[in-house]
PDB file of N, CA and C in Angstrom:
ATOM      1  N   MET A   1       0.826  -1.195   0.000  1.00  0.00           N
ATOM      2  CA  MET A   1       0.000   0.000   0.000  1.00  0.00           C
ATOM      3  C   MET A   1       0.868   1.256   0.000  1.00  0.00           C
ATOM      4  N   LYS A   2       1.954   1.209   0.761  1.00  0.00           N
ATOM      5  CA  LYS A   2       2.846   2.350   0.837  1.00  0.00           C
ATOM      6  C   LYS A   2       3.456   2.644  -0.538  1.00  0.00           C
ATOM      7  N   ASN A   3       3.833   1.599  -1.257  1.00  0.00           N
ATOM      8  CA  ASN A   3       4.392   1.768  -2.606  1.00  0.00           C
ATOM      9  C   ASN A   3       3.359   2.363  -3.556  1.00  0.00           C
ATOM     10  N   PHE A   4       2.122   1.942  -3.402  1.00  0.00           N
ATOM     11  CA  PHE A   4       1.053   2.475  -4.253  1.00  0.00           C
ATOM     12  C   PHE A   4       0.873   3.971  -4.035  1.00  0.00           C
ATOM     13  N   LEU A   5       0.879   4.404  -2.789  1.00  0.00           N
ATOM     14  CA  LEU A   5       0.731   5.826  -2.480  1.00  0.00           C
ATOM     15  C   LEU A   5       1.918   6.633  -3.000  1.00  0.00           C
ATOM     16  N   THR A   6       3.089   6.088  -2.843  1.00  0.00           N
ATOM     17  CA  THR A   6       4.290   6.766  -3.345  1.00  0.00           C
ATOM     18  C   THR A   6       4.219   6.919  -4.858  1.00  0.00           C
ATOM     19  N   LEU A   7       3.857   5.863  -5.539  1.00  0.00           N
ATOM     20  CA  LEU A   7       3.741   5.904  -6.990  1.00  0.00           C
ATOM     21  C   LEU A   7       2.667   6.883  -7.433  1.00  0.00           C
ATOM     22  N   THR A   8       1.563   6.918  -6.730  1.00  0.00           N
ATOM     23  CA  THR A   8       0.477   7.843  -7.055  1.00  0.00           C
ATOM     24  C   THR A   8       0.936   9.295  -6.930  1.00  0.00           C
ATOM     25  N   PHE A   9       1.637   9.619  -5.870  1.00  0.00           N
ATOM     26  CA  PHE A   9       2.136  10.986  -5.688  1.00  0.00           C
ATOM     27  C   PHE A   9       3.156  11.359  -6.766  1.00  0.00           C
ATOM     28  N   ILE A  10       4.004  10.420  -7.105  1.00  0.00           N
ATOM     29  CA  ILE A  10       4.998  10.681  -8.154  1.00  0.00           C
ATOM     30  C   ILE A  10       4.304  10.985  -9.476  1.00  0.00           C
ATOM     31  N   ILE A  11       3.314  10.209  -9.810  1.00  0.00           N
ATOM     32  CA  ILE A  11       2.589  10.405 -11.069  1.00  0.00           C
ATOM     33  C   ILE A  11       1.834  11.730 -11.071  1.00  0.00           C
ATOM     34  N   LEU A  12       1.184  12.040  -9.965  1.00  0.00           N
ATOM     35  CA  LEU A  12       0.384  13.268  -9.900  1.00  0.00           C
ATOM     36  C   LEU A  12       1.224  14.533  -9.947  1.00  0.00           C
ATOM     37  N   PHE A  13       2.401  14.514  -9.340  1.00  0.00           N
ATOM     38  CA  PHE A  13       3.189  15.738  -9.205  1.00  0.00           C
ATOM     39  C   PHE A  13       4.376  15.823 -10.159  1.00  0.00           C
ATOM     40  N   SER A  14       4.589  14.808 -10.963  1.00  0.00           N
ATOM     41  CA  SER A  14       5.717  14.873 -11.888  1.00  0.00           C
ATOM     42  C   SER A  14       5.430  15.809 -13.058  1.00  0.00           C
ATOM     43  N   GLY A  15       4.192  16.047 -13.389  1.00  0.00           N
ATOM     44  CA  GLY A  15       3.855  16.960 -14.482  1.00  0.00           C
ATOM     45  C   GLY A  15       4.302  18.377 -14.210  1.00  0.00           C
ATOM     46  N   SER A  16       4.221  18.797 -12.980  1.00  0.00           N
ATOM     47  CA  SER A  16       4.639  20.161 -12.644  1.00  0.00           C
ATOM     48  C   SER A  16       6.151  20.325 -12.767  1.00  0.00           C
ATOM     49  N   ALA A  17       6.904  19.265 -12.604  1.00  0.00           N
ATOM     50  CA  ALA A  17       8.359  19.343 -12.754  1.00  0.00           C
ATOM     51  C   ALA A  17       8.737  19.605 -14.199  1.00  0.00           C
ATOM     52  N   PHE A  18       7.995  19.037 -15.130  1.00  0.00           N
ATOM     53  CA  PHE A  18       8.278  19.225 -16.546  1.00  0.00           C
ATOM     54  C   PHE A  18       7.718  20.542 -17.068  1.00  0.00           C
ATOM     55  N   ALA A  19       6.838  21.183 -16.333  1.00  0.00           N
ATOM     56  CA  ALA A  19       6.248  22.439 -16.773  1.00  0.00           C
ATOM     57  C   ALA A  19       7.298  23.535 -16.879  1.00  0.00           C
ATOM     58  N   GLY A  20       8.382  23.430 -16.136  1.00  0.00           N
ATOM     59  CA  GLY A  20       9.448  24.418 -16.192  1.00  0.00           C
ATOM     60  C   GLY A  20      10.204  24.412 -17.493  1.00  0.00           C
ATOM     61  N   SER A  21      10.056  23.371 -18.295  1.00  0.00           N
ATOM     62  CA  SER A  21      10.775  23.301 -19.564  1.00  0.00           C
ATOM     63  C   SER A  21      10.088  24.104 -20.669  1.00  0.00           C
ATOM     64  N   CYS A  22       8.861  24.527 -20.458  1.00  0.00           N
ATOM     65  CA  CYS A  22       8.140  25.286 -21.487  1.00  0.00           C
ATOM     66  C   CYS A  22       8.856  26.580 -21.879  1.00  0.00           C
ATOM     67  N   PRO A  23       9.287  27.393 -20.927  1.00  0.00           N
ATOM     68  CA  PRO A  23      10.001  28.616 -21.313  1.00  0.00           C
ATOM     69  C   PRO A  23      11.297  28.334 -22.073  1.00  0.00           C
ATOM     70  N   MET A  24      11.979  27.251 -21.704  1.00  0.00           N
ATOM     71  CA  MET A  24      13.210  26.902 -22.415  1.00  0.00           C
ATOM     72  C   MET A  24      12.903  26.508 -23.858  1.00  0.00           C
ATOM     73  N   MET A  25      11.830  25.756 -24.035  1.00  0.00           N
ATOM     74  CA  MET A  25      11.429  25.362 -25.385  1.00  0.00           C
ATOM     75  C   MET A  25      11.040  26.583 -26.207  1.00  0.00           C
ATOM     76  N   ALA A  26      10.342  27.517 -25.598  1.00  0.00           N
ATOM     77  CA  ALA A  26       9.935  28.735 -26.292  1.00  0.00           C
ATOM     78  C   ALA A  26      11.149  29.555 -26.711  1.00  0.00           C
ATOM     79  N   LYS A  27      12.175  29.606 -25.864  1.00  0.00           N
ATOM     80  CA  LYS A  27      13.401  30.336 -26.204  1.00  0.00           C
ATOM     81  C   LYS A  27      14.105  29.696 -27.395  1.00  0.00           C
ATOM     82  N   LYS A  28      14.119  28.369 -27.451  1.00  0.00           N
ATOM     83  CA  LYS A  28      14.728  27.681 -28.594  1.00  0.00           C
ATOM     84  C   LYS A  28      13.977  28.007 -29.882  1.00  0.00           C
ATOM     85  N   ILE A  29      12.663  28.035 -29.795  1.00  0.00           N
ATOM     86  CA  ILE A  29      11.840  28.368 -30.965  1.00  0.00           C
ATOM     87  C   ILE A  29      12.105  29.808 -31.389  1.00  0.00           C
ATOM     88  N   ASP A  30      12.144  30.719 -30.421  1.00  0.00           N
ATOM     89  CA  ASP A  30      12.407  32.123 -30.734  1.00  0.00           C
ATOM     90  C   ASP A  30      13.759  32.299 -31.415  1.00  0.00           C
ATOM     91  N   ALA A  31      14.759  31.555 -30.947  1.00  0.00           N
ATOM     92  CA  ALA A  31      16.090  31.643 -31.542  1.00  0.00           C
ATOM     93  C   ALA A  31      16.077  31.157 -32.988  1.00  0.00           C
ATOM     94  N   LYS A  32      15.356  30.061 -33.237  1.00  0.00           N
ATOM     95  CA  LYS A  32      15.270  29.555 -34.612  1.00  0.00           C
ATOM     96  C   LYS A  32      14.521  30.527 -35.517  1.00  0.00           C
ATOM     97  N   ILE A  33      13.470  31.119 -34.993  1.00  0.00           N
ATOM     98  CA  ILE A  33      12.705  32.089 -35.772  1.00  0.00           C
ATOM     99  C   ILE A  33      13.580  33.286 -36.114  1.00  0.00           C
ATOM    100  N   ALA A  34      14.343  33.783 -35.144  1.00  0.00           N
ATOM    101  CA  ALA A  34      15.213  34.935 -35.380  1.00  0.00           C
ATOM    102  C   ALA A  34      16.288  34.597 -36.412  1.00  0.00           C
ATOM    103  N   GLU A  35      16.883  33.414 -36.305  1.00  0.00           N
ATOM    104  CA  GLU A  35      17.907  33.001 -37.262  1.00  0.00           C
ATOM    105  C   GLU A  35      17.307  32.843 -38.658  1.00  0.00           C
ATOM    106  N   ALA A  36      16.123  32.241 -38.724  1.00  0.00           N
ATOM    107  CA  ALA A  36      15.454  32.068 -40.012  1.00  0.00           C
ATOM    108  C   ALA A  36      15.111  33.421 -40.635  1.00  0.00           C
ATOM    109  N   GLN A  37      14.689  34.372 -39.819  1.00  0.00           N
ATOM    110  CA  GLN A  37      14.349  35.709 -40.313  1.00  0.00           C
ATOM    111  C   GLN A  37      15.592  36.404 -40.879  1.00  0.00           C
ATOM    112  N   GLU A  38      16.727  36.254 -40.191  1.00  0.00           N
ATOM    113  CA  GLU A  38      17.971  36.843 -40.694  1.00  0.00           C
ATOM    114  C   GLU A  38      18.370  36.228 -42.029  1.00  0.00           C
ATOM    115  N   LEU A  39      18.279  34.896 -42.120  1.00  0.00           N
ATOM    116  CA  LEU A  39      18.602  34.222 -43.376  1.00  0.00           C
ATOM    117  C   LEU A  39      17.635  34.626 -44.477  1.00  0.00           C
ATOM    118  N   ARG A  40      16.368  34.762 -44.137  1.00  0.00           N
ATOM    119  CA  ARG A  40      15.356  35.173 -45.117  1.00  0.00           C
ATOM    120  C   ARG A  40      15.656  36.572 -45.637  1.00  0.00           C
ATOM    121  N   ASP A  41      15.957  37.489 -44.720  1.00  0.00           N
ATOM    122  CA  ASP A  41      16.256  38.857 -45.128  1.00  0.00           C
ATOM    123  C   ASP A  41      17.498  38.920 -46.012  1.00  0.00           C
ATOM    124  N   ALA A  42      18.532  38.169 -45.614  1.00  0.00           N
ATOM    125  CA  ALA A  42      19.755  38.129 -46.418  1.00  0.00           C
ATOM    126  C   ALA A  42      19.477  37.503 -47.787  1.00  0.00           C
ATOM    127  N   GLY A  43      18.646  36.471 -47.807  1.00  0.00           N
ATOM    128  CA  GLY A  43      18.283  35.827 -49.073  1.00  0.00           C
ATOM    129  C   GLY A  43      17.517  36.760 -49.991  1.00  0.00           C
ATOM    130  N   MET A  44      16.611  37.513 -49.434  1.00  0.00           N
ATOM    131  CA  MET A  44      15.837  38.453 -50.254  1.00  0.00           C
ATOM    132  C   MET A  44      16.711  39.614 -50.741  1.00  0.00           C
ATOM    133  N   ASN A  45      17.670  40.045 -49.917  1.00  0.00           N
ATOM    134  CA  ASN A  45      18.609  41.074 -50.368  1.00  0.00           C
ATOM    135  C   ASN A  45      19.477  40.562 -51.511  1.00  0.00           C
ATOM    136  N   ALA A  46      19.914  39.306 -51.407  1.00  0.00           N
ATOM    137  CA  ALA A  46      20.693  38.701 -52.494  1.00  0.00           C
ATOM    138  C   ALA A  46      19.842  38.603 -53.754  1.00  0.00           C
ATOM    139  N   HIS A  47      18.592  38.265 -53.607  1.00  0.00           N
ATOM    140  CA  HIS A  47      17.673  38.177 -54.752  1.00  0.00           C
ATOM    141  C   HIS A  47      17.528  39.545 -55.425  1.00  0.00           C
ATOM    142  N   LYS A  48      17.322  40.573 -54.611  1.00  0.00           N
ATOM    143  CA  LYS A  48      17.148  41.925 -55.154  1.00  0.00           C
ATOM    144  C   LYS A  48      18.397  42.419 -55.872  1.00  0.00           C
ATOM    145  N   SER A  49      19.569  41.971 -55.396  1.00  0.00           N
ATOM    146  CA  SER A  49      20.813  42.403 -56.031  1.00  0.00           C
ATOM    147  C   SER A  49      21.180  41.528 -57.229  1.00  0.00           C
ATOM    148  N   GLY A  50      20.365  40.518 -57.498  1.00  0.00           N
ATOM    149  CA  GLY A  50      20.574  39.674 -58.678  1.00  0.00           C
ATOM    150  C   GLY A  50      21.375  38.413 -58.426  1.00  0.00           C
ATOM    151  N   ASP A  51      21.774  38.162 -57.210  1.00  0.00           N
ATOM    152  CA  ASP A  51      22.535  36.953 -56.887  1.00  0.00           C
ATOM    153  C   ASP A  51      21.565  35.856 -56.473  1.00  0.00           C
ATOM    154  N   HIS A  52      20.955  35.234 -57.475  1.00  0.00           N
ATOM    155  CA  HIS A  52      19.895  34.259 -57.210  1.00  0.00           C
ATOM    156  C   HIS A  52      20.437  32.953 -56.623  1.00  0.00           C
ATOM    157  N   ALA A  53      21.657  32.591 -56.956  1.00  0.00           N
ATOM    158  CA  ALA A  53      22.241  31.371 -56.380  1.00  0.00           C
ATOM    159  C   ALA A  53      22.428  31.547 -54.867  1.00  0.00           C
ATOM    160  N   LYS A  54      22.951  32.689 -54.474  1.00  0.00           N
ATOM    161  CA  LYS A  54      23.139  32.971 -53.050  1.00  0.00           C
ATOM    162  C   LYS A  54      21.787  33.073 -52.340  1.00  0.00           C
ATOM    163  N   SER A  55      20.822  33.679 -53.020  1.00  0.00           N
ATOM    164  CA  SER A  55      19.483  33.809 -52.465  1.00  0.00           C
ATOM    165  C   SER A  55      18.882  32.440 -52.166  1.00  0.00           C
ATOM    166  N   GLU A  56      18.968  31.544 -53.128  1.00  0.00           N
ATOM    167  CA  GLU A  56      18.422  30.194 -52.928  1.00  0.00           C
ATOM    168  C   GLU A  56      19.154  29.464 -51.810  1.00  0.00           C
ATOM    169  N   GLU A  57      20.468  29.635 -51.746  1.00  0.00           N
ATOM    170  CA  GLU A  57      21.257  28.982 -50.692  1.00  0.00           C
ATOM    171  C   GLU A  57      20.806  29.456 -49.308  1.00  0.00           C
ATOM    172  N   LEU A  58      20.667  30.762 -49.144  1.00  0.00           N
ATOM    173  CA  LEU A  58      20.272  31.323 -47.854  1.00  0.00           C
ATOM    174  C   LEU A  58      18.841  30.931 -47.485  1.00  0.00           C
ATOM    175  N   LEU A  59      17.942  30.986 -48.450  1.00  0.00           N
ATOM    176  CA  LEU A  59      16.551  30.635 -48.165  1.00  0.00           C
ATOM    177  C   LEU A  59      16.395  29.152 -47.847  1.00  0.00           C
ATOM    178  N   ASN A  60      17.184  28.316 -48.512  1.00  0.00           N
ATOM    179  CA  ASN A  60      17.152  26.885 -48.191  1.00  0.00           C
ATOM    180  C   ASN A  60      17.689  26.617 -46.791  1.00  0.00           C
ATOM    181  N   LYS A  61      18.713  27.374 -46.366  1.00  0.00           N
ATOM    182  CA  LYS A  61      19.222  27.241 -45.000  1.00  0.00           C
ATOM    183  C   LYS A  61      18.139  27.616 -43.997  1.00  0.00           C
ATOM    184  N   ALA A  62      17.379  28.664 -44.318  1.00  0.00           N
ATOM    185  CA  ALA A  62      16.303  29.068 -43.424  1.00  0.00           C
ATOM    186  C   ALA A  62      15.252  27.982 -43.313  1.00  0.00           C
ATOM    187  N   LEU A  63      14.913  27.374 -44.438  1.00  0.00           N
ATOM    188  CA  LEU A  63      13.911  26.299 -44.413  1.00  0.00           C
ATOM    189  C   LEU A  63      14.413  25.082 -43.637  1.00  0.00           C
ATOM    190  N   GLU A  64      15.701  24.796 -43.735  1.00  0.00           N
ATOM    191  CA  GLU A  64      16.272  23.632 -43.044  1.00  0.00           C
ATOM    192  C   GLU A  64      16.151  23.745 -41.527  1.00  0.00           C
ATOM    193  N   LEU A  65      16.087  24.972 -41.021  1.00  0.00           N
ATOM    194  CA  LEU A  65      15.970  25.152 -39.580  1.00  0.00           C
ATOM    195  C   LEU A  65      14.676  24.555 -39.026  1.00  0.00           C
ATOM    196  N   PHE A  66      13.675  24.450 -39.879  1.00  0.00           N
ATOM    197  CA  PHE A  66      12.373  23.971 -39.418  1.00  0.00           C
ATOM    198  C   PHE A  66      12.126  22.500 -39.714  1.00  0.00           C
ATOM    199  N   LYS A  67      13.116  21.839 -40.282  1.00  0.00           N
ATOM    200  CA  LYS A  67      12.991  20.406 -40.531  1.00  0.00           C
ATOM    201  C   LYS A  67      13.653  19.653 -39.404  1.00  0.00           C
ATOM    202  N   GLY A  68      13.120  18.482 -39.113  1.00  0.00           N
ATOM    203  CA  GLY A  68      13.725  17.594 -38.132  1.00  0.00           C
ATOM    204  C   GLY A  68      13.627  18.026 -36.791  1.00  0.00           C
TER     205      GLY A  68
END
């Protein structure tokens, strides 16, 4: 019975321990978004200046950030 109560408390209160990881996950997402935005802006500047190969390279790097 004692083991059952211990296990029950662990299950009930372990969710709050993982709740602290949400801000860390959000920061990782924000960092990827910022990096992707920089690559996108650089890619569009390369496109406007006529360097389409560089533009495609930069834009593909930005897209790769969201895969996997």
